[in-house]
Amino acid sequence: AATAPRIPPTRLALHHFDVNYSLQLKDLWPSVRAGLLCEQKYGALLNNFSPVDHVARELELQNATDFVSEAPKKAQRSQRGAAAEEAGRGESRFQEGSGEGRTVMQAETMTQAEMSPLLCASVSSNIKCYTFPRGDITRFRPARPDTLGLLDYYLMDAASLLPVLALNVQPDDFVLDLCAAPGGKTLALLQTGVCGHLAANDISISRTKRLYQILHSYVPKEIRETVSVTSCDGRDWEQLEGGTFHKVLVDVPCTTDRHSVMEDDNNIFHRRRTKERQMMPMLQLQLLMAGILATKPGGEVVYSTCSLSPLQNEYVIERAVEIAETQFNISIHVEDLSYFRMLFQDTFSFFSGCRLGELVLPHLTANFGPMYFCKLRR
């Protein structure tokens, strides 16, 4: 009998996404689909362990900007503009004889004034990541070593920094990166310069080797020695070190949507990996539960994926909150991260339809993501 023609996993992935994401994203899907199928955009995460001033100047001359430090400045400018506009409206209401106008105006301006420091404080200023403007598809040059042999920047999807920024590491925090390889987010956590202790874990020994390589290429020996790298199943972490961390990043394995439509190698949509793909939300839930249980009371967890799928995103969050409550008597608060949308709207395209957390959508003018992230407080 003739064997059925082999359909490449990339084609299977795209068909699967066409069926599912067109229902979820509706009119946005054609644009997101085009973004997924085109070259990804990168950001250059500056290496603070290397002298970076000349690198920053070089990138600025090419019209790249540090999206992390620019965002709060832009937010403050727009808030000042909104406050001035409101003041104008309030003034006219006041002159028209409405004595309440001034009070309303002052109340609204006050809220904006209070918001600005909050926005600035919620983003780590030590992390510097340069991106080219929307619509600019200039490529960054490859990273170069400094005199000590450390590379000057790390090229990554700039949206991958958002979960790290959301984690908002504070001085002397004990931090766990539960699914750390290949190492971009671990490196970003180190760039904050404030981790009291960083544990980086990944179940894959081969991927952990890549993590070691990145640490070796970017981080001085004395800092590397403060990072404990392990290769164990993240689902078992609570049995090893439960309730010990202030901050936990759970960047789970997922359908890696961009990779799935572009690369046949190691593709989760390969027919032999069907079962693995179907079990993915269960694995993600188990890893998130391990992350929650590894956190101290009052600690915070950021969950992230590079998938658009609600089954791997919001549904996992909802189920974890439910299980924490019913099985472990742990009350979990899901943080509102909508201010990230306001802060970083000039750099990324956000999906406004997320029930929980935030989702960066690929877009031809800003082809980062997909990147979903959600913050939980224990």
Protein backbone atom coordinates (compact mmCIF):
# COMPACT_ATOMS: atom_id res chain seq x y z
CA ALA A 1 0.00 0.00 0.00
CA ALA A 2 1.19 3.50 -0.78
CA THR A 3 2.35 5.39 2.30
CA ALA A 4 0.72 8.72 3.00
CA PRO A 5 2.84 11.68 1.89
CA ARG A 6 4.94 13.10 4.73
CA ILE A 7 3.77 16.57 5.62
CA PRO A 8 6.57 18.73 7.05
CA PRO A 9 6.03 19.66 10.72
CA THR A 10 6.24 23.37 9.81
CA ARG A 11 3.19 22.90 7.54
CA LEU A 12 1.34 20.96 10.26
CA ALA A 13 2.14 23.74 12.77
CA LEU A 14 0.88 26.47 10.45
CA HIS A 15 -2.34 24.55 9.75
CA HIS A 16 -2.87 24.04 13.49
CA PHE A 17 -2.31 27.75 14.14
CA ASP A 18 -4.60 28.79 11.24
CA VAL A 19 -7.42 26.75 12.75
CA ASN A 20 -6.91 27.81 16.39
CA TYR A 21 -5.38 31.28 16.39
CA SER A 22 -7.81 32.65 13.77
CA LEU A 23 -10.57 31.96 16.34
CA GLN A 24 -8.59 33.54 19.19
CA LEU A 25 -7.07 36.55 17.41
CA LYS A 26 -9.80 36.99 14.75
CA ASP A 27 -8.90 39.93 12.43
CA LEU A 28 -5.41 40.20 13.94
CA TRP A 29 -4.37 36.70 12.85
CA PRO A 30 -3.34 37.47 9.20
CA SER A 31 -0.96 40.17 10.45
CA VAL A 32 0.44 37.97 13.26
CA ARG A 33 0.79 35.04 10.80
CA ALA A 34 2.82 37.22 8.42
CA GLY A 35 5.06 38.26 11.32
CA LEU A 36 5.65 34.64 12.38
CA LEU A 37 6.68 33.72 8.83
CA CYS A 38 9.12 36.63 8.44
CA GLU A 39 12.53 37.29 9.94
CA GLN A 40 12.44 37.86 13.68
CA LYS A 41 13.58 41.18 15.12
CA TYR A 42 16.27 41.25 17.82
CA GLY A 43 17.39 43.45 20.65
CA ALA A 44 20.96 43.88 21.93
CA LEU A 45 21.14 43.25 25.69
CA LEU A 46 24.21 45.22 26.82
CA ASN A 47 26.65 43.32 28.97
CA ASN A 48 27.15 45.42 32.13
CA PHE A 49 30.17 43.26 33.05
CA SER A 50 31.96 44.67 29.99
CA PRO A 51 32.72 48.41 29.42
CA VAL A 52 29.50 49.39 27.60
CA ASP A 53 29.60 53.17 27.12
CA HIS A 54 31.28 53.05 23.72
CA VAL A 55 28.93 50.23 22.61
CA ALA A 56 25.90 52.30 23.65
CA ARG A 57 27.25 55.28 21.67
CA GLU A 58 27.88 53.07 18.63
CA LEU A 59 24.30 51.73 18.73
CA GLU A 60 22.80 55.19 19.26
CA LEU A 61 24.65 56.45 16.17
CA GLN A 62 22.82 53.71 14.24
CA ASN A 63 19.48 55.06 15.58
CA ALA A 64 18.95 52.24 18.09
CA THR A 65 17.58 53.17 21.53
CA ASP A 66 17.51 51.47 24.92
CA PHE A 67 13.82 50.59 25.11
CA VAL A 68 14.02 49.90 28.88
CA SER A 69 15.20 53.37 29.95
CA GLU A 70 13.25 55.20 27.22
CA ALA A 71 9.86 53.73 28.20
CA PRO A 72 9.39 55.49 31.58
CA LYS A 73 10.57 58.81 30.06
CA LYS A 74 8.00 58.50 27.26
CA ALA A 75 5.30 57.49 29.75
CA GLN A 76 6.05 60.53 31.90
CA ARG A 77 6.00 62.85 28.88
CA SER A 78 2.63 61.48 27.75
CA GLN A 79 1.27 61.73 31.30
CA ARG A 80 2.43 65.34 31.57
CA GLY A 81 0.74 66.03 28.22
CA ALA A 82 -2.47 64.36 29.42
CA ALA A 83 -2.32 66.27 32.72
CA ALA A 84 -1.86 69.59 30.89
CA GLU A 85 -4.76 68.78 28.58
CA GLU A 86 -6.91 67.84 31.58
CA ALA A 87 -5.85 71.04 33.34
CA GLY A 88 -7.04 73.02 30.30
CA ARG A 89 -10.38 71.24 30.33
CA GLY A 90 -10.69 71.64 34.11
CA GLU A 91 -9.94 75.34 33.85
CA SER A 92 -12.67 75.88 31.27
CA ARG A 93 -15.15 73.85 33.38
CA PHE A 94 -14.18 75.98 36.40
CA GLN A 95 -14.70 79.23 34.46
CA GLU A 96 -18.09 78.01 33.30
CA GLY A 97 -19.17 78.09 36.93
CA SER A 98 -18.73 74.43 37.84
CA GLY A 99 -16.92 74.56 41.18
CA GLU A 100 -16.31 70.81 40.96
CA GLY A 101 -14.17 71.17 37.84
CA ARG A 102 -11.02 72.14 39.73
CA THR A 103 -11.35 69.27 42.21
CA VAL A 104 -11.84 66.70 39.44
CA MET A 105 -8.85 68.12 37.55
CA GLN A 106 -6.62 68.04 40.63
CA ALA A 107 -7.66 64.49 41.48
CA GLU A 108 -6.86 63.22 37.97
CA THR A 109 -3.55 65.08 37.75
CA MET A 110 -2.62 63.76 41.17
CA THR A 111 -3.24 60.18 40.07
CA GLN A 112 -0.96 60.68 37.08
CA ALA A 113 1.74 62.26 39.23
CA GLU A 114 1.56 59.32 41.60
CA MET A 115 1.71 56.84 38.74
CA SER A 116 4.96 58.12 37.24
CA PRO A 117 7.30 57.09 40.10
CA LEU A 118 5.48 53.75 40.27
CA LEU A 119 6.12 53.15 36.56
CA CYS A 120 9.79 54.09 36.89
CA ALA A 121 10.30 51.98 40.01
CA SER A 122 8.72 48.92 38.45
CA VAL A 123 11.35 48.59 35.72
CA SER A 124 14.96 47.70 36.53
CA SER A 125 17.10 50.53 35.19
CA ASN A 126 20.26 48.38 35.22
CA ILE A 127 19.06 46.29 32.27
CA LYS A 128 19.88 48.01 28.97
CA CYS A 129 18.55 46.60 25.71
CA TYR A 130 18.85 48.43 22.42
CA THR A 131 16.30 48.01 19.62
CA PHE A 132 15.84 49.67 16.25
CA PRO A 133 12.65 51.72 15.75
CA ARG A 134 9.40 50.25 14.44
CA GLY A 135 9.71 49.43 10.76
CA ASP A 136 13.54 49.54 10.87
CA ILE A 137 14.89 46.08 10.00
CA THR A 138 18.59 46.89 10.43
CA ARG A 139 20.53 43.90 11.77
CA PHE A 140 22.92 44.20 14.69
CA ARG A 141 26.56 43.28 14.09
CA PRO A 142 27.72 40.08 15.87
CA ALA A 143 28.85 40.55 19.48
CA ARG A 144 32.55 41.34 20.02
CA PRO A 145 34.86 40.47 22.93
CA ASP A 146 36.36 43.20 25.13
CA THR A 147 39.95 43.20 26.43
CA LEU A 148 39.03 40.58 29.07
CA GLY A 149 37.37 38.38 26.45
CA LEU A 150 33.78 39.09 27.57
CA LEU A 151 31.26 39.75 24.78
CA ASP A 152 29.77 43.26 24.63
CA TYR A 153 26.12 42.36 24.05
CA TYR A 154 23.74 39.43 23.72
CA LEU A 155 21.32 39.30 20.80
CA MET A 156 17.86 38.07 21.80
CA ASP A 157 14.17 38.62 21.13
CA ALA A 158 13.72 41.87 23.09
CA ALA A 159 10.25 40.68 24.23
CA SER A 160 12.05 37.93 26.20
CA LEU A 161 13.22 40.65 28.60
CA LEU A 162 9.67 41.54 29.63
CA PRO A 163 9.27 38.54 32.02
CA VAL A 164 12.60 39.49 33.66
CA LEU A 165 11.53 43.13 33.99
CA ALA A 166 8.17 41.97 35.41
CA LEU A 167 10.01 39.91 38.04
CA ASN A 168 11.44 43.22 39.30
CA VAL A 169 14.39 41.73 41.24
CA GLN A 170 15.30 43.71 44.37
CA PRO A 171 18.71 43.89 46.12
CA ASP A 172 19.69 40.61 47.81
CA ASP A 173 16.70 38.66 46.46
CA PHE A 174 17.16 34.90 46.20
CA VAL A 175 16.15 34.18 42.60
CA LEU A 176 15.36 30.89 40.84
CA ASP A 177 15.27 30.51 37.05
CA LEU A 178 13.52 27.13 36.92
CA CYS A 179 13.82 26.42 33.15
CA ALA A 180 16.95 28.46 32.47
CA ALA A 181 18.54 27.14 29.26
CA PRO A 182 19.66 28.35 26.81
CA GLY A 183 20.42 31.25 29.15
CA GLY A 184 19.24 34.62 27.78
CA LYS A 185 16.91 35.34 30.69
CA THR A 186 19.49 34.07 33.23
CA LEU A 187 21.99 36.51 31.75
CA ALA A 188 19.39 39.31 31.95
CA LEU A 189 18.74 38.49 35.63
CA LEU A 190 22.49 38.83 36.28
CA GLN A 191 22.53 42.18 34.44
CA THR A 192 20.28 43.62 37.17
CA GLY A 193 23.38 43.37 39.40
CA VAL A 194 21.26 42.87 42.51
CA CYS A 195 20.56 39.12 42.82
CA GLY A 196 21.62 37.97 46.29
CA HIS A 197 21.75 34.42 44.96
CA LEU A 198 20.75 33.02 41.56
CA ALA A 199 19.87 29.37 40.95
CA ALA A 200 19.63 28.43 37.27
CA ASN A 201 18.14 25.03 36.48
CA ASP A 202 17.26 23.12 33.33
CA ILE A 203 16.31 19.48 32.87
CA SER A 204 18.32 19.18 29.63
CA ILE A 205 22.02 18.54 30.17
CA SER A 206 22.86 19.52 26.58
CA ARG A 207 20.94 22.82 26.94
CA THR A 208 22.62 23.40 30.33
CA LYS A 209 25.97 23.24 28.48
CA ARG A 210 24.74 26.12 26.33
CA LEU A 211 23.87 28.01 29.54
CA TYR A 212 27.42 27.45 30.85
CA GLN A 213 28.81 28.74 27.52
CA ILE A 214 26.76 31.94 27.77
CA LEU A 215 27.81 32.53 31.37
CA HIS A 216 31.43 31.93 30.37
CA SER A 217 31.19 34.34 27.40
CA TYR A 218 29.51 37.20 29.26
CA VAL A 219 30.09 36.96 33.01
CA PRO A 220 33.34 37.35 35.01
CA LYS A 221 34.49 34.33 37.01
CA GLU A 222 33.77 35.85 40.44
CA ILE A 223 30.11 36.50 39.44
CA ARG A 224 29.74 33.12 37.67
CA GLU A 225 30.71 31.41 40.91
CA THR A 226 27.69 32.97 42.67
CA VAL A 227 25.31 31.23 40.24
CA SER A 228 24.37 27.64 41.06
CA VAL A 229 23.59 25.74 37.84
CA THR A 230 21.70 22.45 38.12
CA SER A 231 20.21 19.92 35.70
CA CYS A 232 17.20 18.42 37.43
CA ASP A 233 13.54 18.03 36.58
CA GLY A 234 12.00 21.37 37.54
CA ARG A 235 8.81 19.59 38.61
CA ASP A 236 10.73 18.13 41.58
CA TRP A 237 12.18 21.45 42.75
CA GLU A 238 9.88 21.81 45.74
CA GLN A 239 11.33 18.57 47.18
CA LEU A 240 14.85 20.03 46.82
CA GLU A 241 14.40 23.62 47.98
CA GLY A 242 10.79 24.52 48.74
CA GLY A 243 9.76 27.96 50.02
CA THR A 244 13.24 29.51 49.81
CA PHE A 245 13.13 32.08 46.97
CA HIS A 246 11.92 35.68 46.84
CA LYS A 247 11.51 35.61 43.04
CA VAL A 248 11.01 32.68 40.65
CA LEU A 249 11.00 32.78 36.85
CA VAL A 250 9.14 29.88 35.21
CA ASP A 251 9.85 30.21 31.48
CA VAL A 252 8.32 26.89 30.46
CA PRO A 253 8.88 24.65 27.43
CA CYS A 254 6.08 25.42 24.95
CA THR A 255 5.12 25.04 21.28
CA THR A 256 7.66 27.82 20.46
CA ASP A 257 5.29 29.09 17.77
CA ARG A 258 7.85 30.98 15.68
CA HIS A 259 10.29 28.05 15.60
CA SER A 260 7.42 25.65 14.82
CA VAL A 261 6.45 27.42 11.58
CA MET A 262 10.04 28.10 10.46
CA GLU A 263 12.25 25.10 11.35
CA ASP A 264 11.66 21.41 10.71
CA ASP A 265 14.51 20.38 13.04
CA ASN A 266 13.49 19.65 16.63
CA ASN A 267 9.90 20.66 15.82
CA ILE A 268 7.23 19.86 18.42
CA PHE A 269 4.71 19.33 15.55
CA HIS A 270 6.67 16.34 14.24
CA ARG A 271 4.27 13.37 14.13
CA ARG A 272 6.37 11.37 16.59
CA ARG A 273 6.05 14.19 19.15
CA THR A 274 2.23 14.43 19.04
CA LYS A 275 1.77 12.99 22.52
CA GLU A 276 4.47 15.26 23.95
CA ARG A 277 2.72 18.28 22.42
CA GLN A 278 -0.67 17.25 23.76
CA MET A 279 0.79 16.85 27.26
CA MET A 280 2.51 20.27 27.12
CA PRO A 281 -0.09 22.21 29.20
CA MET A 282 0.12 19.54 31.92
CA LEU A 283 3.93 19.83 32.06
CA GLN A 284 3.63 23.64 32.14
CA LEU A 285 1.15 23.45 35.01
CA GLN A 286 3.43 21.11 36.98
CA LEU A 287 6.41 23.43 36.46
CA LEU A 288 4.40 26.49 37.50
CA MET A 289 3.19 24.68 40.64
CA ALA A 290 6.82 23.78 41.46
CA GLY A 291 7.73 27.47 40.97
CA ILE A 292 4.94 28.59 43.31
CA LEU A 293 5.99 26.07 45.96
CA ALA A 294 9.65 27.15 45.64
CA THR A 295 8.65 30.70 46.56
CA LYS A 296 8.61 32.14 50.08
CA PRO A 297 5.26 33.48 51.34
CA GLY A 298 5.04 37.00 49.94
CA GLY A 299 7.38 36.04 47.07
CA GLU A 300 6.62 36.43 43.38
CA VAL A 301 6.54 34.14 40.35
CA VAL A 302 6.59 35.16 36.69
CA TYR A 303 5.31 32.54 34.25
CA SER A 304 6.20 32.92 30.57
CA THR A 305 5.95 31.17 27.19
CA CYS A 306 6.77 32.04 23.59
CA SER A 307 3.37 30.77 22.43
CA LEU A 308 0.11 32.50 21.51
CA SER A 309 -1.97 29.59 22.82
CA PRO A 310 -4.42 30.37 25.67
CA LEU A 311 -4.21 26.67 26.62
CA GLN A 312 -0.53 27.20 27.44
CA ASN A 313 -1.02 30.70 28.84
CA GLU A 314 -4.12 31.89 30.73
CA TYR A 315 -5.55 28.40 31.28
CA VAL A 316 -2.34 27.23 32.98
CA ILE A 317 -2.44 30.30 35.25
CA GLU A 318 -6.09 29.76 36.19
CA ARG A 319 -5.56 26.08 36.95
CA ALA A 320 -2.42 26.77 39.04
CA VAL A 321 -4.24 29.40 41.14
CA GLU A 322 -7.06 26.90 41.71
CA ILE A 323 -4.72 24.01 42.67
CA ALA A 324 -2.62 26.23 44.97
CA GLU A 325 -5.82 27.19 46.81
CA THR A 326 -7.55 23.79 46.98
CA GLN A 327 -4.60 21.40 47.42
CA PHE A 328 -2.00 23.54 49.22
CA ASN A 329 -4.14 26.20 50.90
CA ILE A 330 -1.97 28.88 49.27
CA SER A 331 -3.73 32.06 48.17
CA ILE A 332 -2.28 33.41 44.91
CA HIS A 333 -2.81 36.96 43.67
CA VAL A 334 -2.51 37.53 39.90
CA GLU A 335 -0.83 40.90 39.40
CA ASP A 336 -2.11 43.48 36.92
CA LEU A 337 0.66 44.07 34.35
CA SER A 338 -1.36 46.35 32.06
CA TYR A 339 1.08 49.19 32.83
CA PHE A 340 3.65 47.21 30.78
CA ARG A 341 1.38 47.71 27.78
CA MET A 342 1.42 51.46 28.34
CA LEU A 343 5.16 51.60 29.04
CA PHE A 344 6.32 49.54 26.07
CA GLN A 345 3.65 50.17 23.43
CA ASP A 346 6.14 51.99 21.19
CA THR A 347 8.42 48.94 21.03
CA PHE A 348 6.01 45.97 21.06
CA SER A 349 2.53 45.12 19.77
CA PHE A 350 0.44 43.87 22.69
CA PHE A 351 -2.77 41.83 22.49
CA SER A 352 -5.54 43.63 24.37
CA GLY A 353 -7.68 40.48 24.75
CA CYS A 354 -5.69 38.62 27.45
CA ARG A 355 -7.81 37.72 30.48
CA LEU A 356 -4.68 37.35 32.64
CA GLY A 357 -1.12 38.52 32.01
CA GLU A 358 0.18 40.18 28.84
CA LEU A 359 0.93 38.87 25.35
CA VAL A 360 3.30 40.39 22.78
CA LEU A 361 2.13 39.68 19.22
CA PRO A 362 4.53 39.46 16.25
CA HIS A 363 3.94 42.32 13.81
CA LEU A 364 5.81 43.15 10.61
CA THR A 365 6.83 46.60 11.92
CA ALA A 366 7.86 45.25 15.37
CA ASN A 367 8.57 41.58 14.79
CA PHE A 368 9.24 40.48 18.37
CA GLY A 369 7.47 37.68 20.21
CA PRO A 370 5.24 35.89 20.66
CA MET A 371 5.86 36.32 24.38
CA TYR A 372 3.29 35.70 27.10
CA PHE A 373 4.04 36.63 30.71
CA CYS A 374 2.00 36.72 33.90
CA LYS A 375 3.03 37.63 37.45
CA LEU A 376 1.74 35.84 40.57
CA ARG A 377 2.23 36.80 44.21
CA ARG A 378 2.12 34.15 46.90
